């Protein structure tokens, strides 16, 4: 159950963060169509990079990817507020979004083994979470304003960090138990 909850929360995090990027850029940079193009293309590019290059599956790397994704959002938010309506930083915004998107790619790569026999559930829970996170980001900005986006990104990130540590600890305990069972059931 905790694995499905983590997948759902990752989907919420991805949807919330991607649409928060779009809202921050559209409100403080330009609402031209290329802002949407840069946001979407950078996210996809980062996701492909995460799927391709980040194959290391360990707890600290996973936690680092979550933190890096979150810090990229805050860095973009700070820079875009410091340079309102200056389009010359669009390359930086694309890079920050791609960095966040790389966590999404890494997430699928890291969870491929966990959901090997039931990969459809991985996509089902993440996709539903993404839709919910997208709607949640819209409702957050509509009812609470731009500053609430920063709070919710931090809250979701912290929740993911805690759940990820719990999953890794549970898997390590299960792995230790399997090793003990194998040791006692092996005939020499």
C-alpha atoms as a PDB file:
ATOM      1  CA  UNK A   1       0.000   0.000   0.000  1.00  0.00           C
ATOM      2  CA  UNK A   2       2.798   2.430   0.835  1.00  0.00           C
ATOM      3  CA  UNK A   3       4.330   1.861  -2.624  1.00  0.00           C
ATOM      4  CA  UNK A   4       1.089   2.829  -4.359  1.00  0.00           C
ATOM      5  CA  UNK A   5       0.734   5.863  -2.109  1.00  0.00           C
ATOM      6  CA  UNK A   6       4.262   6.929  -2.986  1.00  0.00           C
ATOM      7  CA  UNK A   7       3.569   6.503  -6.704  1.00  0.00           C
ATOM      8  CA  UNK A   8       0.375   8.545  -6.353  1.00  0.00           C
ATOM      9  CA  UNK A   9       2.196  11.283  -4.425  1.00  0.00           C
ATOM     10  CA  UNK A  10       4.975  11.359  -7.013  1.00  0.00           C
ATOM     11  CA  UNK A  11       2.348  11.853  -9.698  1.00  0.00           C
ATOM     12  CA  UNK A  12       0.808  14.676  -7.666  1.00  0.00           C
ATOM     13  CA  UNK A  13       4.273  16.176  -7.206  1.00  0.00           C
ATOM     14  CA  UNK A  14       5.046  15.977 -10.944  1.00  0.00           C
ATOM     15  CA  UNK A  15       1.705  17.468 -11.988  1.00  0.00           C
ATOM     16  CA  UNK A  16       1.798  20.159  -9.336  1.00  0.00           C
ATOM     17  CA  UNK A  17       5.377  21.115 -10.102  1.00  0.00           C
ATOM     18  CA  UNK A  18       5.000  21.130 -13.892  1.00  0.00           C
ATOM     19  CA  UNK A  19       1.906  23.299 -13.825  1.00  0.00           C
ATOM     20  CA  UNK A  20       3.433  25.537 -11.158  1.00  0.00           C
ATOM     21  CA  UNK A  21       6.353  26.141 -13.511  1.00  0.00           C
ATOM     22  CA  UNK A  22       3.894  27.098 -16.207  1.00  0.00           C
ATOM     23  CA  UNK A  23       1.938  29.441 -13.927  1.00  0.00           C
ATOM     24  CA  UNK A  24       5.058  31.147 -12.572  1.00  0.00           C
ATOM     25  CA  UNK A  25       6.467  31.719 -16.057  1.00  0.00           C
ATOM     26  CA  UNK A  26       3.197  32.808 -17.613  1.00  0.00           C
ATOM     27  CA  UNK A  27       2.515  35.313 -14.828  1.00  0.00           C
ATOM     28  CA  UNK A  28       6.037  36.734 -14.572  1.00  0.00           C
ATOM     29  CA  UNK A  29       7.607  36.269 -17.993  1.00  0.00           C
ATOM     30  CA  UNK A  30       5.159  36.076 -20.868  1.00  0.00           C
ATOM     31  CA  UNK A  31       1.964  34.263 -21.699  1.00  0.00           C
ATOM     32  CA  UNK A  32       3.085  33.643 -25.268  1.00  0.00           C
ATOM     33  CA  UNK A  33       2.817  30.140 -26.630  1.00  0.00           C
ATOM     34  CA  UNK A  34       6.564  29.549 -26.492  1.00  0.00           C
ATOM     35  CA  UNK A  35       6.429  29.676 -22.668  1.00  0.00           C
ATOM     36  CA  UNK A  36       4.223  26.584 -22.792  1.00  0.00           C
ATOM     37  CA  UNK A  37       6.512  25.070 -25.414  1.00  0.00           C
ATOM     38  CA  UNK A  38       9.648  25.675 -23.317  1.00  0.00           C
ATOM     39  CA  UNK A  39       7.983  24.302 -20.179  1.00  0.00           C
ATOM     40  CA  UNK A  40       6.678  21.151 -21.861  1.00  0.00           C
ATOM     41  CA  UNK A  41       9.706  20.470 -24.060  1.00  0.00           C
ATOM     42  CA  UNK A  42      12.142  21.029 -21.187  1.00  0.00           C
ATOM     43  CA  UNK A  43      10.186  18.683 -18.913  1.00  0.00           C
ATOM     44  CA  UNK A  44      10.120  15.985 -21.585  1.00  0.00           C
ATOM     45  CA  UNK A  45      13.827  16.468 -22.350  1.00  0.00           C
ATOM     46  CA  UNK A  46      14.631  16.170 -18.627  1.00  0.00           C
ATOM     47  CA  UNK A  47      12.442  13.094 -18.321  1.00  0.00           C
ATOM     48  CA  UNK A  48      14.230  11.398 -21.220  1.00  0.00           C
ATOM     49  CA  UNK A  49      17.577  12.297 -19.650  1.00  0.00           C
ATOM     50  CA  UNK A  50      16.428  10.828 -16.325  1.00  0.00           C
ATOM     51  CA  UNK A  51      15.319   7.615 -18.012  1.00  0.00           C
ATOM     52  CA  UNK A  52      18.540   7.341 -20.003  1.00  0.00           C
ATOM     53  CA  UNK A  53      21.359   8.494 -17.744  1.00  0.00           C
ATOM     54  CA  UNK A  54      20.267   8.015 -14.141  1.00  0.00           C
ATOM     55  CA  UNK A  55      20.169   4.257 -13.686  1.00  0.00           C
ATOM     56  CA  UNK A  56      21.740   4.151 -10.227  1.00  0.00           C
ATOM     57  CA  UNK A  57      19.140   2.879  -7.757  1.00  0.00           C
ATOM     58  CA  UNK A  58      20.041   3.805  -4.211  1.00  0.00           C
ATOM     59  CA  UNK A  59      18.318   5.703  -1.432  1.00  0.00           C
ATOM     60  CA  UNK A  60      20.647   8.705  -1.276  1.00  0.00           C
ATOM     61  CA  UNK A  61      20.580   9.243  -5.023  1.00  0.00           C
ATOM     62  CA  UNK A  62      16.777   9.046  -5.018  1.00  0.00           C
ATOM     63  CA  UNK A  63      16.516  11.545  -2.156  1.00  0.00           C
ATOM     64  CA  UNK A  64      19.023  13.798  -3.900  1.00  0.00           C
ATOM     65  CA  UNK A  65      16.910  13.781  -7.065  1.00  0.00           C
ATOM     66  CA  UNK A  66      13.833  14.870  -5.086  1.00  0.00           C
ATOM     67  CA  UNK A  67      15.776  17.682  -3.407  1.00  0.00           C
ATOM     68  CA  UNK A  68      17.359  18.756  -6.708  1.00  0.00           C
ATOM     69  CA  UNK A  69      13.964  18.867  -8.395  1.00  0.00           C
ATOM     70  CA  UNK A  70      12.540  20.971  -5.582  1.00  0.00           C
ATOM     71  CA  UNK A  71      15.494  23.362  -5.439  1.00  0.00           C
ATOM     72  CA  UNK A  72      15.266  23.850  -9.215  1.00  0.00           C
ATOM     73  CA  UNK A  73      11.694  25.072  -8.781  1.00  0.00           C
ATOM     74  CA  UNK A  74      12.701  27.530  -6.073  1.00  0.00           C
ATOM     75  CA  UNK A  75      15.705  28.769  -8.022  1.00  0.00           C
ATOM     76  CA  UNK A  76      13.566  29.388 -11.103  1.00  0.00           C
ATOM     77  CA  UNK A  77      10.972  31.197  -8.994  1.00  0.00           C
ATOM     78  CA  UNK A  78      13.617  33.465  -7.448  1.00  0.00           C
ATOM     79  CA  UNK A  79      15.272  34.280 -10.770  1.00  0.00           C
ATOM     80  CA  UNK A  80      12.009  34.943 -12.606  1.00  0.00           C
ATOM     81  CA  UNK A  81      10.861  37.303  -9.818  1.00  0.00           C
ATOM     82  CA  UNK A  82      14.197  39.099  -9.858  1.00  0.00           C
ATOM     83  CA  UNK A  83      14.045  39.549 -13.647  1.00  0.00           C
ATOM     84  CA  UNK A  84      10.362  40.138 -14.357  1.00  0.00           C
ATOM     85  CA  UNK A  85       9.390  39.969 -18.034  1.00  0.00           C
ATOM     86  CA  UNK A  86      13.009  39.527 -19.170  1.00  0.00           C
ATOM     87  CA  UNK A  87      12.963  36.834 -21.801  1.00  0.00           C
ATOM     88  CA  UNK A  88      16.744  36.585 -21.974  1.00  0.00           C
ATOM     89  CA  UNK A  89      16.715  34.041 -19.128  1.00  0.00           C
ATOM     90  CA  UNK A  90      14.483  31.569 -20.938  1.00  0.00           C
ATOM     91  CA  UNK A  91      17.457  29.211 -21.388  1.00  0.00           C
ATOM     92  CA  UNK A  92      17.915  29.124 -17.602  1.00  0.00           C
ATOM     93  CA  UNK A  93      14.233  28.433 -17.028  1.00  0.00           C
ATOM     94  CA  UNK A  94      14.353  25.578 -19.520  1.00  0.00           C
ATOM     95  CA  UNK A  95      17.389  24.134 -17.763  1.00  0.00           C
ATOM     96  CA  UNK A  96      15.715  24.324 -14.331  1.00  0.00           C
ATOM     97  CA  UNK A  97      12.570  22.661 -15.675  1.00  0.00           C
ATOM     98  CA  UNK A  98      14.624  19.931 -17.371  1.00  0.00           C
ATOM     99  CA  UNK A  99      16.412  19.286 -14.085  1.00  0.00           C
ATOM    100  CA  UNK A 100      13.061  18.765 -12.369  1.00  0.00           C
ATOM    101  CA  UNK A 101      11.868  16.603 -15.236  1.00  0.00           C
ATOM    102  CA  UNK A 102      14.939  14.405 -14.851  1.00  0.00           C
ATOM    103  CA  UNK A 103      13.585  13.276 -11.481  1.00  0.00           C
ATOM    104  CA  UNK A 104      10.395  12.138 -13.223  1.00  0.00           C
ATOM    105  CA  UNK A 105      12.464  10.025 -15.620  1.00  0.00           C
ATOM    106  CA  UNK A 106      14.574   8.651 -12.788  1.00  0.00           C
ATOM    107  CA  UNK A 107      11.416   7.818 -10.837  1.00  0.00           C
ATOM    108  CA  UNK A 108      10.143   5.544 -13.609  1.00  0.00           C
ATOM    109  CA  UNK A 109      13.553   3.958 -14.063  1.00  0.00           C
ATOM    110  CA  UNK A 110      13.937   3.287 -10.312  1.00  0.00           C
ATOM    111  CA  UNK A 111      10.429   1.868  -9.907  1.00  0.00           C
ATOM    112  CA  UNK A 112      10.539  -0.374 -12.956  1.00  0.00           C
ATOM    113  CA  UNK A 113      11.868  -3.232 -10.813  1.00  0.00           C
ATOM    114  CA  UNK A 114       9.467  -2.614  -7.923  1.00  0.00           C
ATOM    115  CA  UNK A 115       6.468  -2.916 -10.223  1.00  0.00           C
ATOM    116  CA  UNK A 116       7.933  -5.436 -12.672  1.00  0.00           C
ATOM    117  CA  UNK A 117       4.990  -7.825 -12.469  1.00  0.00           C
ATOM    118  CA  UNK A 118       2.383  -5.049 -12.298  1.00  0.00           C
ATOM    119  CA  UNK A 119       3.748  -2.154 -14.368  1.00  0.00           C
ATOM    120  CA  UNK A 120       0.242  -1.016 -15.322  1.00  0.00           C
ATOM    121  CA  UNK A 121      -0.412  -0.025 -11.714  1.00  0.00           C
ATOM    122  CA  UNK A 122       2.696   2.163 -11.723  1.00  0.00           C
ATOM    123  CA  UNK A 123       1.369   4.141 -14.680  1.00  0.00           C
ATOM    124  CA  UNK A 124      -2.215   4.138 -13.401  1.00  0.00           C
ATOM    125  CA  UNK A 125      -1.370   5.572  -9.983  1.00  0.00           C
ATOM    126  CA  UNK A 126       1.213   8.043 -11.298  1.00  0.00           C
ATOM    127  CA  UNK A 127      -1.063   9.275 -14.073  1.00  0.00           C
ATOM    128  CA  UNK A 128      -4.028   9.770 -11.729  1.00  0.00           C
ATOM    129  CA  UNK A 129      -1.725  11.587  -9.328  1.00  0.00           C
ATOM    130  CA  UNK A 130      -0.447  13.804 -12.152  1.00  0.00           C
ATOM    131  CA  UNK A 131      -3.989  14.803 -13.117  1.00  0.00           C
ATOM    132  CA  UNK A 132      -4.858  15.512  -9.478  1.00  0.00           C
ATOM    133  CA  UNK A 133      -1.604  17.484  -8.970  1.00  0.00           C
ATOM    134  CA  UNK A 134      -2.302  19.580 -12.057  1.00  0.00           C
ATOM    135  CA  UNK A 135      -5.776  20.433 -10.799  1.00  0.00           C
ATOM    136  CA  UNK A 136      -4.431  21.050  -7.303  1.00  0.00           C
ATOM    137  CA  UNK A 137      -1.884  23.564  -8.587  1.00  0.00           C
ATOM    138  CA  UNK A 138      -4.620  25.434 -10.435  1.00  0.00           C
ATOM    139  CA  UNK A 139      -6.863  25.487  -7.359  1.00  0.00           C
ATOM    140  CA  UNK A 140      -3.938  26.537  -5.159  1.00  0.00           C
ATOM    141  CA  UNK A 141      -3.095  29.543  -7.295  1.00  0.00           C
ATOM    142  CA  UNK A 142      -6.767  30.442  -7.770  1.00  0.00           C
ATOM    143  CA  UNK A 143      -7.665  30.385  -4.081  1.00  0.00           C
ATOM    144  CA  UNK A 144      -4.375  30.992  -2.243  1.00  0.00           C
ATOM    145  CA  UNK A 145      -2.120  32.853  -4.675  1.00  0.00           C
ATOM    146  CA  UNK A 146       1.388  32.351  -6.022  1.00  0.00           C
ATOM    147  CA  UNK A 147       3.109  32.161  -2.651  1.00  0.00           C
ATOM    148  CA  UNK A 148       1.102  29.065  -1.748  1.00  0.00           C
ATOM    149  CA  UNK A 149       2.700  27.233  -4.694  1.00  0.00           C
ATOM    150  CA  UNK A 150       6.065  27.391  -2.947  1.00  0.00           C
ATOM    151  CA  UNK A 151       4.589  26.020   0.266  1.00  0.00           C
ATOM    152  CA  UNK A 152       2.898  23.068  -1.439  1.00  0.00           C
ATOM    153  CA  UNK A 153       5.996  22.150  -3.475  1.00  0.00           C
ATOM    154  CA  UNK A 154       7.976  22.012  -0.211  1.00  0.00           C
ATOM    155  CA  UNK A 155       5.229  20.030   1.527  1.00  0.00           C
ATOM    156  CA  UNK A 156       4.985  17.467  -1.276  1.00  0.00           C
ATOM    157  CA  UNK A 157       8.760  17.173  -1.481  1.00  0.00           C
ATOM    158  CA  UNK A 158       9.116  16.592   2.253  1.00  0.00           C
ATOM    159  CA  UNK A 159       6.325  14.003   2.187  1.00  0.00           C
ATOM    160  CA  UNK A 160       8.048  12.174  -0.686  1.00  0.00           C
ATOM    161  CA  UNK A 161      11.362  12.171   1.169  1.00  0.00           C
ATOM    162  CA  UNK A 162       9.774  10.598   4.243  1.00  0.00           C
ATOM    163  CA  UNK A 163       7.841   7.963   2.272  1.00  0.00           C
ATOM    164  CA  UNK A 164      10.864   7.076   0.157  1.00  0.00           C
ATOM    165  CA  UNK A 165      12.966   6.439   3.275  1.00  0.00           C
ATOM    166  CA  UNK A 166      10.206   4.187   4.639  1.00  0.00           C
ATOM    167  CA  UNK A 167      10.029   2.188   1.403  1.00  0.00           C
ATOM    168  CA  UNK A 168      13.791   1.665   1.244  1.00  0.00           C
ATOM    169  CA  UNK A 169      13.910   0.589   4.904  1.00  0.00           C
ATOM    170  CA  UNK A 170      11.063  -1.876   4.343  1.00  0.00           C
ATOM    171  CA  UNK A 171      12.751  -3.301   1.234  1.00  0.00           C
ATOM    172  CA  UNK A 172      16.049  -3.661   3.094  1.00  0.00           C
ATOM    173  CA  UNK A 173      14.312  -5.554   5.915  1.00  0.00           C
ATOM    174  CA  UNK A 174      12.566  -7.828   3.414  1.00  0.00           C
ATOM    175  CA  UNK A 175      15.880  -8.417   1.632  1.00  0.00           C
ATOM    176  CA  UNK A 176      17.595  -9.344   4.907  1.00  0.00           C
ATOM    177  CA  UNK A 177      14.783 -11.745   5.753  1.00  0.00           C
ATOM    178  CA  UNK A 178      15.053 -13.358   2.297  1.00  0.00           C
ATOM    179  CA  UNK A 179      18.811 -13.825   2.777  1.00  0.00           C
ATOM    180  CA  UNK A 180      18.263 -15.513   6.144  1.00  0.00           C
ATOM    181  CA  UNK A 181      15.601 -17.820   4.670  1.00  0.00           C
ATOM    182  CA  UNK A 182      17.888 -18.705   1.771  1.00  0.00           C
ATOM    183  CA  UNK A 183      20.753 -19.457   4.154  1.00  0.00           C
ATOM    184  CA  UNK A 184      18.657 -21.847   6.246  1.00  0.00           C
ATOM    185  CA  UNK A 185      16.885 -23.543   3.353  1.00  0.00           C
ATOM    186  CA  UNK A 186      19.962 -24.168   1.210  1.00  0.00           C
ATOM    187  CA  UNK A 187      21.235 -27.736   1.366  1.00  0.00           C
ATOM    188  CA  UNK A 188      25.004 -28.117   1.239  1.00  0.00           C
END
